[in-house]
Amino acid sequence: MRVLVVEDEPLIRLLMVDTLEEAGYDVLEAASGVEACRLIDDLNHFDLVVTDLNMPKADGVVVAKRARAHTPDVLVLFVSARPDLLKSLSAPRPYSYLPKPFSMEQFSAAVDDLLTPPHAPF
């Protein structure tokens, strides 16, 4: 399974990437939405996109929409302390949401729930 982690906070991104790699996932990372969109355009396919919502220039919704343009059934996990942005930014459904702050155990469980068949859109 290929996972893209998009997070502009370096420490949070590092923890998420390490957690996913230790679980055996093929992980790519991006420090911004703009960088994530480039990776999506270059690589075309991800099974899961984990993205922060609140980022400058290209927010998590832009990233999710770009990923879905390439892979319509890509799973999306938004992580943010701002759930209000999901509605105001018109997040593409279906998606999952994990509120910040979260533990790596909570993060791992959310990812496993999404990537362990059969997964159900929320």
Foldseek 3Di string as FASTA:
>chain_A
DEEEEEAQDVVVQVLLVVLCVVVPYRYDYDNALVRLLVVCVVVLDGQEYEAEADGPPAGPQNSQVSNCVSPVNRAYEYEEQCPVCCVVVVRDDQYHYDYPPDDSVVVVVVVCQCPPPPHDGD
